[in-house]
Amino acid sequence: MEYWSVYDINRQKTSQIKLKGESFEKGEFHQVVHCSIINEKNELLIQLRHPNKKYWSGLWDITCGGSSLANET
C-alpha cells in the first residue's frame, strides 16, 4: 500500500496521511516529483511509455517521477 502526506495550498504539510486512491478534499494536495536529465551536449533524455500504462500509453515522455510517500523528505 502507498500512503501520501497531505499538504495545504501553501505547500505546508498537514497532519493527515491518505492512502493512494482516496479522495482529496478541495485545498488538499500531495507531493509529486519529476526528474529530467540533460547531458553536457544539452541533449534531453526521453522515454517511450510502456504500451500497458493507463495514461498516455505508447507516447514519448520527458520526465520520470511519481508521488513521494508519506513522511519522505
PDB file of N, CA and C in Angstrom:
ATOM      1  N   MET A   1       0.839  -1.191   0.000  1.00  0.00           N
ATOM      2  CA  MET A   1       0.000   0.000   0.000  1.00  0.00           C
ATOM      3  C   MET A   1       0.875   1.241   0.000  1.00  0.00           C
ATOM      4  N   GLU A   2       0.385   2.258  -0.632  1.00  0.00           N
ATOM      5  CA  GLU A   2       1.128   3.511  -0.755  1.00  0.00           C
ATOM      6  C   GLU A   2       0.370   4.606  -0.025  1.00  0.00           C
ATOM      7  N   TYR A   3       1.054   5.274   0.919  1.00  0.00           N
ATOM      8  CA  TYR A   3       0.449   6.362   1.678  1.00  0.00           C
ATOM      9  C   TYR A   3       1.128   7.677   1.338  1.00  0.00           C
ATOM     10  N   TRP A   4       0.330   8.744   1.268  1.00  0.00           N
ATOM     11  CA  TRP A   4       0.824  10.067   0.922  1.00  0.00           C
ATOM     12  C   TRP A   4       0.569  11.053   2.054  1.00  0.00           C
ATOM     13  N   SER A   5       1.545  11.923   2.321  1.00  0.00           N
ATOM     14  CA  SER A   5       1.324  13.048   3.230  1.00  0.00           C
ATOM     15  C   SER A   5       0.437  14.062   2.513  1.00  0.00           C
ATOM     16  N   VAL A   6      -0.405  14.752   3.265  1.00  0.00           N
ATOM     17  CA  VAL A   6      -1.316  15.748   2.702  1.00  0.00           C
ATOM     18  C   VAL A   6      -0.757  17.142   2.985  1.00  0.00           C
ATOM     19  N   TYR A   7      -0.781  17.997   1.950  1.00  0.00           N
ATOM     20  CA  TYR A   7      -0.276  19.365   2.045  1.00  0.00           C
ATOM     21  C   TYR A   7      -1.419  20.344   1.785  1.00  0.00           C
ATOM     22  N   ASP A   8      -1.247  21.584   2.291  1.00  0.00           N
ATOM     23  CA  ASP A   8      -2.247  22.614   2.010  1.00  0.00           C
ATOM     24  C   ASP A   8      -1.827  23.416   0.772  1.00  0.00           C
ATOM     25  N   ILE A   9      -2.608  24.430   0.437  1.00  0.00           N
ATOM     26  CA  ILE A   9      -2.377  25.233  -0.761  1.00  0.00           C
ATOM     27  C   ILE A   9      -1.021  25.934  -0.737  1.00  0.00           C
ATOM     28  N   ASN A  10      -0.459  26.146   0.470  1.00  0.00           N
ATOM     29  CA  ASN A  10       0.828  26.819   0.630  1.00  0.00           C
ATOM     30  C   ASN A  10       2.000  25.843   0.746  1.00  0.00           C
ATOM     31  N   ARG A  11       1.760  24.586   0.374  1.00  0.00           N
ATOM     32  CA  ARG A  11       2.764  23.524   0.418  1.00  0.00           C
ATOM     33  C   ARG A  11       3.235  23.204   1.834  1.00  0.00           C
ATOM     34  N   GLN A  12       2.384  23.473   2.803  1.00  0.00           N
ATOM     35  CA  GLN A  12       2.688  23.138   4.190  1.00  0.00           C
ATOM     36  C   GLN A  12       2.087  21.767   4.503  1.00  0.00           C
ATOM     37  N   LYS A  13       2.919  20.897   5.067  1.00  0.00           N
ATOM     38  CA  LYS A  13       2.436  19.550   5.377  1.00  0.00           C
ATOM     39  C   LYS A  13       1.443  19.618   6.529  1.00  0.00           C
ATOM     40  N   THR A  14       0.319  18.929   6.366  1.00  0.00           N
ATOM     41  CA  THR A  14      -0.674  18.830   7.427  1.00  0.00           C
ATOM     42  C   THR A  14      -0.399  17.557   8.226  1.00  0.00           C
ATOM     43  N   SER A  15      -1.215  17.265   9.187  1.00  0.00           N
ATOM     44  CA  SER A  15      -1.054  16.044   9.987  1.00  0.00           C
ATOM     45  C   SER A  15      -1.727  14.841   9.329  1.00  0.00           C
ATOM     46  N   GLN A  16      -2.373  15.052   8.189  1.00  0.00           N
ATOM     47  CA  GLN A  16      -3.107  13.977   7.525  1.00  0.00           C
ATOM     48  C   GLN A  16      -2.212  13.115   6.644  1.00  0.00           C
ATOM     49  N   ILE A  17      -2.574  11.854   6.541  1.00  0.00           N
ATOM     50  CA  ILE A  17      -1.956  10.907   5.609  1.00  0.00           C
ATOM     51  C   ILE A  17      -3.101  10.185   4.910  1.00  0.00           C
ATOM     52  N   LYS A  18      -2.993  10.049   3.596  1.00  0.00           N
ATOM     53  CA  LYS A  18      -4.048   9.371   2.824  1.00  0.00           C
ATOM     54  C   LYS A  18      -3.471   8.186   2.057  1.00  0.00           C
ATOM     55  N   LEU A  19      -4.285   7.180   1.921  1.00  0.00           N
ATOM     56  CA  LEU A  19      -3.952   6.014   1.115  1.00  0.00           C
ATOM     57  C   LEU A  19      -4.128   6.373  -0.355  1.00  0.00           C
ATOM     58  N   LYS A  20      -3.180   5.956  -1.197  1.00  0.00           N
ATOM     59  CA  LYS A  20      -3.293   6.217  -2.632  1.00  0.00           C
ATOM     60  C   LYS A  20      -4.662   5.746  -3.111  1.00  0.00           C
ATOM     61  N   GLY A  21      -5.348   6.607  -3.843  1.00  0.00           N
ATOM     62  CA  GLY A  21      -6.682   6.292  -4.352  1.00  0.00           C
ATOM     63  C   GLY A  21      -7.797   6.933  -3.546  1.00  0.00           C
ATOM     64  N   GLU A  22      -7.493   7.362  -2.303  1.00  0.00           N
ATOM     65  CA  GLU A  22      -8.507   8.059  -1.503  1.00  0.00           C
ATOM     66  C   GLU A  22      -8.772   9.429  -2.110  1.00  0.00           C
ATOM     67  N   SER A  23      -9.967   9.920  -1.920  1.00  0.00           N
ATOM     68  CA  SER A  23     -10.334  11.244  -2.434  1.00  0.00           C
ATOM     69  C   SER A  23      -9.671  12.342  -1.617  1.00  0.00           C
ATOM     70  N   PHE A  24      -9.296  13.406  -2.312  1.00  0.00           N
ATOM     71  CA  PHE A  24      -8.766  14.596  -1.661  1.00  0.00           C
ATOM     72  C   PHE A  24      -9.853  15.661  -1.651  1.00  0.00           C
ATOM     73  N   GLU A  25      -9.963  16.380  -0.544  1.00  0.00           N
ATOM     74  CA  GLU A  25     -10.902  17.491  -0.451  1.00  0.00           C
ATOM     75  C   GLU A  25     -10.293  18.703  -1.157  1.00  0.00           C
ATOM     76  N   LYS A  26     -11.126  19.685  -1.471  1.00  0.00           N
ATOM     77  CA  LYS A  26     -10.629  20.922  -2.069  1.00  0.00           C
ATOM     78  C   LYS A  26      -9.598  21.531  -1.120  1.00  0.00           C
ATOM     79  N   GLY A  27      -8.450  21.933  -1.668  1.00  0.00           N
ATOM     80  CA  GLY A  27      -7.400  22.537  -0.857  1.00  0.00           C
ATOM     81  C   GLY A  27      -6.417  21.535  -0.273  1.00  0.00           C
ATOM     82  N   GLU A  28      -6.619  20.234  -0.536  1.00  0.00           N
ATOM     83  CA  GLU A  28      -5.681  19.201  -0.102  1.00  0.00           C
ATOM     84  C   GLU A  28      -4.869  18.730  -1.301  1.00  0.00           C
ATOM     85  N   PHE A  29      -3.580  18.510  -1.077  1.00  0.00           N
ATOM     86  CA  PHE A  29      -2.680  18.122  -2.166  1.00  0.00           C
ATOM     87  C   PHE A  29      -1.693  17.083  -1.667  1.00  0.00           C
ATOM     88  N   HIS A  30      -1.038  16.390  -2.610  1.00  0.00           N
ATOM     89  CA  HIS A  30       0.091  15.530  -2.259  1.00  0.00           C
ATOM     90  C   HIS A  30       1.265  15.898  -3.159  1.00  0.00           C
ATOM     91  N   GLN A  31       2.458  15.534  -2.724  1.00  0.00           N
ATOM     92  CA  GLN A  31       3.684  15.929  -3.414  1.00  0.00           C
ATOM     93  C   GLN A  31       4.028  14.957  -4.532  1.00  0.00           C
ATOM     94  N   VAL A  32       4.341  15.513  -5.696  1.00  0.00           N
ATOM     95  CA  VAL A  32       4.747  14.729  -6.859  1.00  0.00           C
ATOM     96  C   VAL A  32       6.132  15.204  -7.289  1.00  0.00           C
ATOM     97  N   VAL A  33       6.983  14.264  -7.650  1.00  0.00           N
ATOM     98  CA  VAL A  33       8.364  14.574  -8.030  1.00  0.00           C
ATOM     99  C   VAL A  33       8.582  14.173  -9.487  1.00  0.00           C
ATOM    100  N   HIS A  34       9.211  15.043 -10.261  1.00  0.00           N
ATOM    101  CA  HIS A  34       9.567  14.755 -11.648  1.00  0.00           C
ATOM    102  C   HIS A  34      11.060  14.980 -11.837  1.00  0.00           C
ATOM    103  N   CYS A  35      11.649  14.255 -12.741  1.00  0.00           N
ATOM    104  CA  CYS A  35      13.081  14.354 -12.993  1.00  0.00           C
ATOM    105  C   CYS A  35      13.316  14.392 -14.497  1.00  0.00           C
ATOM    106  N   SER A  36      14.149  15.339 -14.945  1.00  0.00           N
ATOM    107  CA  SER A  36      14.570  15.405 -16.341  1.00  0.00           C
ATOM    108  C   SER A  36      16.086  15.345 -16.381  1.00  0.00           C
ATOM    109  N   ILE A  37      16.628  14.669 -17.372  1.00  0.00           N
ATOM    110  CA  ILE A  37      18.078  14.521 -17.481  1.00  0.00           C
ATOM    111  C   ILE A  37      18.549  15.171 -18.779  1.00  0.00           C
ATOM    112  N   ILE A  38      19.511  16.104 -18.634  1.00  0.00           N
ATOM    113  CA  ILE A  38      20.123  16.786 -19.773  1.00  0.00           C
ATOM    114  C   ILE A  38      21.623  16.559 -19.667  1.00  0.00           C
ATOM    115  N   ASN A  39      22.246  16.101 -20.755  1.00  0.00           N
ATOM    116  CA  ASN A  39      23.682  15.825 -20.713  1.00  0.00           C
ATOM    117  C   ASN A  39      24.494  17.062 -21.092  1.00  0.00           C
ATOM    118  N   GLU A  40      25.825  16.896 -21.146  1.00  0.00           N
ATOM    119  CA  GLU A  40      26.722  18.015 -21.427  1.00  0.00           C
ATOM    120  C   GLU A  40      26.581  18.550 -22.845  1.00  0.00           C
ATOM    121  N   LYS A  41      25.946  17.796 -23.739  1.00  0.00           N
ATOM    122  CA  LYS A  41      25.681  18.268 -25.104  1.00  0.00           C
ATOM    123  C   LYS A  41      24.331  18.976 -25.192  1.00  0.00           C
ATOM    124  N   ASN A  42      23.706  19.180 -24.045  1.00  0.00           N
ATOM    125  CA  ASN A  42      22.393  19.817 -23.947  1.00  0.00           C
ATOM    126  C   ASN A  42      21.301  18.969 -24.606  1.00  0.00           C
ATOM    127  N   GLU A  43      21.500  17.639 -24.579  1.00  0.00           N
ATOM    128  CA  GLU A  43      20.501  16.706 -25.102  1.00  0.00           C
ATOM    129  C   GLU A  43      19.619  16.235 -23.954  1.00  0.00           C
ATOM    130  N   LEU A  44      18.339  16.145 -24.226  1.00  0.00           N
ATOM    131  CA  LEU A  44      17.357  15.738 -23.225  1.00  0.00           C
ATOM    132  C   LEU A  44      17.048  14.252 -23.372  1.00  0.00           C
ATOM    133  N   LEU A  45      17.153  13.518 -22.286  1.00  0.00           N
ATOM    134  CA  LEU A  45      16.807  12.099 -22.301  1.00  0.00           C
ATOM    135  C   LEU A  45      15.287  11.976 -22.299  1.00  0.00           C
ATOM    136  N   ILE A  46      14.756  11.216 -23.271  1.00  0.00           N
ATOM    137  CA  ILE A  46      13.314  10.985 -23.327  1.00  0.00           C
ATOM    138  C   ILE A  46      13.063   9.481 -23.276  1.00  0.00           C
ATOM    139  N   GLN A  47      11.832   9.131 -22.944  1.00  0.00           N
ATOM    140  CA  GLN A  47      11.478   7.722 -22.834  1.00  0.00           C
ATOM    141  C   GLN A  47      10.160   7.457 -23.553  1.00  0.00           C
ATOM    142  N   LEU A  48      10.032   6.251 -24.043  1.00  0.00           N
ATOM    143  CA  LEU A  48       8.777   5.816 -24.650  1.00  0.00           C
ATOM    144  C   LEU A  48       7.979   5.092 -23.575  1.00  0.00           C
ATOM    145  N   ARG A  49       6.788   5.597 -23.281  1.00  0.00           N
ATOM    146  CA  ARG A  49       5.968   4.994 -22.234  1.00  0.00           C
ATOM    147  C   ARG A  49       5.507   3.597 -22.646  1.00  0.00           C
ATOM    148  N   HIS A  50       5.432   2.735 -21.673  1.00  0.00           N
ATOM    149  CA  HIS A  50       5.033   1.351 -21.902  1.00  0.00           C
ATOM    150  C   HIS A  50       3.621   1.310 -22.499  1.00  0.00           C
ATOM    151  N   PRO A  51       3.363   0.402 -23.427  1.00  0.00           N
ATOM    152  CA  PRO A  51       2.035   0.338 -24.050  1.00  0.00           C
ATOM    153  C   PRO A  51       0.917  -0.059 -23.092  1.00  0.00           C
ATOM    154  N   ASN A  52       1.253  -0.624 -21.946  1.00  0.00           N
ATOM    155  CA  ASN A  52       0.222  -1.030 -20.979  1.00  0.00           C
ATOM    156  C   ASN A  52      -0.061   0.009 -19.906  1.00  0.00           C
ATOM    157  N   LYS A  53       0.592   1.188 -19.965  1.00  0.00           N
ATOM    158  CA  LYS A  53       0.336   2.233 -18.978  1.00  0.00           C
ATOM    159  C   LYS A  53      -1.105   2.723 -19.119  1.00  0.00           C
ATOM    160  N   LYS A  54      -1.703   3.105 -17.999  1.00  0.00           N
ATOM    161  CA  LYS A  54      -3.097   3.548 -18.010  1.00  0.00           C
ATOM    162  C   LYS A  54      -3.260   4.858 -18.782  1.00  0.00           C
ATOM    163  N   TYR A  55      -2.342   5.792 -18.581  1.00  0.00           N
ATOM    164  CA  TYR A  55      -2.449   7.100 -19.232  1.00  0.00           C
ATOM    165  C   TYR A  55      -1.296   7.290 -20.210  1.00  0.00           C
ATOM    166  N   TRP A  56      -1.567   7.860 -21.355  1.00  0.00           N
ATOM    167  CA  TRP A  56      -0.586   8.221 -22.377  1.00  0.00           C
ATOM    168  C   TRP A  56       0.300   7.041 -22.762  1.00  0.00           C
ATOM    169  N   SER A  57      -0.288   5.863 -22.853  1.00  0.00           N
ATOM    170  CA  SER A  57       0.474   4.659 -23.213  1.00  0.00           C
ATOM    171  C   SER A  57       1.057   4.797 -24.619  1.00  0.00           C
ATOM    172  N   GLY A  58       2.298   4.300 -24.774  1.00  0.00           N
ATOM    173  CA  GLY A  58       2.957   4.285 -26.064  1.00  0.00           C
ATOM    174  C   GLY A  58       3.417   5.632 -26.587  1.00  0.00           C
ATOM    175  N   LEU A  59       3.343   6.680 -25.743  1.00  0.00           N
ATOM    176  CA  LEU A  59       3.765   8.015 -26.176  1.00  0.00           C
ATOM    177  C   LEU A  59       5.134   8.357 -25.591  1.00  0.00           C
ATOM    178  N   TRP A  60       5.822   9.304 -26.225  1.00  0.00           N
ATOM    179  CA  TRP A  60       7.110   9.770 -25.724  1.00  0.00           C
ATOM    180  C   TRP A  60       6.884  10.728 -24.562  1.00  0.00           C
ATOM    181  N   ASP A  61       7.801  10.675 -23.572  1.00  0.00           N
ATOM    182  CA  ASP A  61       7.674  11.482 -22.359  1.00  0.00           C
ATOM    183  C   ASP A  61       9.053  12.007 -21.984  1.00  0.00           C
ATOM    184  N   ILE A  62       9.103  13.181 -21.353  1.00  0.00           N
ATOM    185  CA  ILE A  62      10.396  13.763 -20.994  1.00  0.00           C
ATOM    186  C   ILE A  62      10.731  13.627 -19.512  1.00  0.00           C
ATOM    187  N   THR A  63       9.814  13.151 -18.717  1.00  0.00           N
ATOM    188  CA  THR A  63      10.101  13.048 -17.283  1.00  0.00           C
ATOM    189  C   THR A  63       9.797  11.659 -16.770  1.00  0.00           C
ATOM    190  N   CYS A  64      10.436  11.351 -15.690  1.00  0.00           N
ATOM    191  CA  CYS A  64      10.033  10.188 -14.914  1.00  0.00           C
ATOM    192  C   CYS A  64       9.759  10.723 -13.515  1.00  0.00           C
ATOM    193  N   GLY A  65       8.955  10.067 -12.778  1.00  0.00           N
ATOM    194  CA  GLY A  65       8.652  10.565 -11.448  1.00  0.00           C
ATOM    195  C   GLY A  65       7.487   9.825 -10.851  1.00  0.00           C
ATOM    196  N   GLY A  66       7.003  10.389  -9.794  1.00  0.00           N
ATOM    197  CA  GLY A  66       5.873   9.808  -9.095  1.00  0.00           C
ATOM    198  C   GLY A  66       5.616  10.554  -7.801  1.00  0.00           C
ATOM    199  N   SER A  67       4.720  10.043  -7.017  1.00  0.00           N
ATOM    200  CA  SER A  67       4.365  10.682  -5.744  1.00  0.00           C
ATOM    201  C   SER A  67       5.355  10.286  -4.671  1.00  0.00           C
ATOM    202  N   SER A  68       5.728  11.263  -3.842  1.00  0.00           N
ATOM    203  CA  SER A  68       6.568  10.930  -2.693  1.00  0.00           C
ATOM    204  C   SER A  68       5.688  10.242  -1.653  1.00  0.00           C
ATOM    205  N   LEU A  69       6.258   9.320  -0.928  1.00  0.00           N
ATOM    206  CA  LEU A  69       5.498   8.577   0.075  1.00  0.00           C
ATOM    207  C   LEU A  69       5.377   9.380   1.371  1.00  0.00           C
ATOM    208  N   ALA A  70       4.416   9.015   2.190  1.00  0.00           N
ATOM    209  CA  ALA A  70       4.174   9.720   3.442  1.00  0.00           C
ATOM    210  C   ALA A  70       5.463   9.850   4.252  1.00  0.00           C
ATOM    211  N   ASN A  71       5.728  11.053   4.707  1.00  0.00           N
ATOM    212  CA  ASN A  71       6.856  11.407   5.569  1.00  0.00           C
ATOM    213  C   ASN A  71       8.222  11.305   4.896  1.00  0.00           C
ATOM    214  N   GLU A  72       8.266  11.166   3.562  1.00  0.00           N
ATOM    215  CA  GLU A  72       9.562  11.241   2.877  1.00  0.00           C
ATOM    216  C   GLU A  72       9.989  12.705   2.826  1.00  0.00           C
ATOM    217  N   THR A  73      11.292  12.932   2.858  1.00  0.00           N
ATOM    218  CA  THR A  73      11.801  14.300   2.768  1.00  0.00           C
ATOM    219  C   THR A  73      12.561  14.465   1.462  1.00  0.00           C
TER     220      THR A  73
END
